[in-house]
Amino acid sequence: MMSYFFVLLCVPLAALLVFGGLAMSRMLAPHHPGDLKNSAYECGEVPIGQAWSQFTIGYYLVGLLFLVFDVDVALLYPWAIAFRQAGWTGFVEAGLFLAVLAVGLLYAWKKGALEWV
């Protein structure tokens, strides 16, 4: 019960620090709006044209594939650490997991998601 006391003590303290810092920043920070300060900033370049532009779907597909295989690595790491304790059941489950990901990779490959145009 004593460990919960410290957690319950830290939660309001953390909230007080966050909101107190935001409030102090709001009160003490200088605020001088103007045309130059409110303009868009693009790496020191003056913005030209519309701010909205279309990107090819390839960027999103590569991002999604990266996310899928990044999660794959994150899920396989604990399995590799506990490989001896998992036994054959764990081995078969990890094999099925990798097989599903391999089917997804083959599907993306056949659909041309890995072609960079």
Protein backbone atom coordinates (compact mmCIF):
# COMPACT_ATOMS: atom_id res chain seq x y z
CA MET A 1 0.00 0.00 0.00
CA MET A 2 2.92 2.31 0.67
CA SER A 3 4.17 2.07 -2.93
CA TYR A 4 0.80 3.40 -4.18
CA PHE A 5 1.17 6.35 -1.83
CA PHE A 6 4.30 7.52 -3.62
CA VAL A 7 2.67 7.08 -7.03
CA LEU A 8 -0.35 9.09 -5.91
CA LEU A 9 2.00 11.72 -4.52
CA CYS A 10 4.02 11.98 -7.76
CA VAL A 11 1.07 12.30 -10.15
CA PRO A 12 -0.24 15.63 -8.80
CA LEU A 13 3.32 16.89 -8.41
CA ALA A 14 4.09 16.06 -12.06
CA ALA A 15 0.87 17.75 -13.21
CA LEU A 16 1.70 20.82 -11.10
CA LEU A 17 5.18 21.03 -12.65
CA VAL A 18 3.85 20.72 -16.21
CA PHE A 19 0.98 23.17 -15.88
CA GLY A 20 3.00 25.52 -13.68
CA GLY A 21 5.78 25.64 -16.28
CA LEU A 22 3.28 26.32 -19.05
CA ALA A 23 1.60 29.08 -17.04
CA MET A 24 4.91 30.73 -16.14
CA SER A 25 6.03 30.59 -19.77
CA ARG A 26 2.76 32.19 -20.84
CA MET A 27 3.09 34.99 -18.29
CA LEU A 28 6.81 35.75 -18.62
CA ALA A 29 7.56 35.18 -22.32
CA PRO A 30 7.61 38.28 -24.55
CA HIS A 31 4.77 38.44 -27.06
CA HIS A 32 5.36 40.73 -30.06
CA PRO A 33 3.32 39.47 -33.03
CA GLY A 34 3.91 40.96 -36.46
CA ASP A 35 3.80 40.15 -40.16
CA LEU A 36 7.33 38.79 -40.24
CA LYS A 37 6.87 36.71 -37.08
CA ASN A 38 3.55 35.26 -38.28
CA SER A 39 4.86 34.30 -41.73
CA ALA A 40 5.71 30.71 -42.67
CA TYR A 41 9.33 29.73 -42.15
CA GLU A 42 10.89 27.21 -44.52
CA CYS A 43 14.59 26.77 -43.73
CA GLY A 44 15.37 30.45 -44.29
CA GLU A 45 13.71 30.53 -47.72
CA VAL A 46 10.84 32.83 -48.60
CA PRO A 47 7.73 30.68 -49.20
CA ILE A 48 6.64 30.56 -52.85
CA GLY A 49 3.30 29.25 -54.12
CA GLN A 50 0.74 27.16 -52.32
CA ALA A 51 1.49 25.52 -49.00
CA TRP A 52 -0.49 22.42 -49.99
CA SER A 53 1.09 19.97 -52.40
CA GLN A 54 0.49 16.33 -53.28
CA PHE A 55 2.98 13.59 -52.51
CA THR A 56 3.11 10.29 -54.31
CA ILE A 57 1.60 7.32 -52.53
CA GLY A 58 5.04 5.67 -52.52
CA TYR A 59 6.15 7.75 -49.54
CA TYR A 60 3.25 6.47 -47.46
CA LEU A 61 3.70 2.87 -48.58
CA VAL A 62 7.38 2.88 -47.67
CA GLY A 63 6.49 4.45 -44.31
CA LEU A 64 3.90 1.77 -43.60
CA LEU A 65 6.25 -1.03 -44.60
CA PHE A 66 8.94 0.42 -42.34
CA LEU A 67 6.46 0.58 -39.48
CA VAL A 68 5.39 -3.04 -39.99
CA PHE A 69 8.93 -4.39 -40.02
CA ASP A 70 10.02 -2.13 -37.18
CA VAL A 71 7.25 -3.58 -35.03
CA ASP A 72 8.34 -7.01 -36.23
CA VAL A 73 11.83 -6.48 -34.83
CA ALA A 74 10.43 -5.07 -31.58
CA LEU A 75 8.25 -8.18 -31.12
CA LEU A 76 10.94 -10.68 -32.05
CA TYR A 77 13.53 -9.32 -29.62
CA PRO A 78 11.78 -10.61 -26.44
CA TRP A 79 11.15 -13.91 -28.21
CA ALA A 80 14.86 -14.25 -28.99
CA ILE A 81 15.76 -13.50 -25.37
CA ALA A 82 13.37 -16.19 -24.04
CA PHE A 83 13.95 -18.66 -26.86
CA ARG A 84 15.04 -21.55 -24.61
CA GLN A 85 12.05 -21.16 -22.26
CA ALA A 86 9.54 -20.83 -25.12
CA GLY A 87 10.22 -24.33 -26.42
CA TRP A 88 8.69 -25.71 -29.59
CA THR A 89 5.42 -23.89 -29.03
CA GLY A 90 7.18 -20.53 -29.02
CA PHE A 91 9.21 -21.54 -32.06
CA VAL A 92 6.09 -22.47 -34.05
CA GLU A 93 4.29 -19.27 -32.99
CA ALA A 94 7.26 -17.11 -34.04
CA GLY A 95 7.44 -19.02 -37.33
CA LEU A 96 3.76 -18.33 -38.00
CA PHE A 97 4.28 -14.68 -37.14
CA LEU A 98 7.18 -14.44 -39.59
CA ALA A 99 5.20 -16.33 -42.24
CA VAL A 100 2.35 -13.81 -42.04
CA LEU A 101 4.86 -10.97 -42.40
CA ALA A 102 6.52 -12.74 -45.33
CA VAL A 103 3.14 -13.10 -47.07
CA GLY A 104 2.54 -9.38 -46.50
CA LEU A 105 5.97 -8.56 -47.94
CA LEU A 106 5.34 -10.72 -51.00
CA TYR A 107 1.95 -9.05 -51.50
CA ALA A 108 3.53 -5.57 -51.27
CA TRP A 109 6.28 -6.66 -53.66
CA LYS A 110 3.79 -8.02 -56.22
CA LYS A 111 1.67 -4.85 -55.98
CA GLY A 112 4.75 -2.71 -56.71
CA ALA A 113 4.90 -0.99 -53.32
CA LEU A 114 8.68 -1.43 -53.24
CA GLU A 115 9.23 0.22 -56.62
CA TRP A 116 10.58 3.71 -56.11
CA VAL A 117 9.34 6.07 -58.83
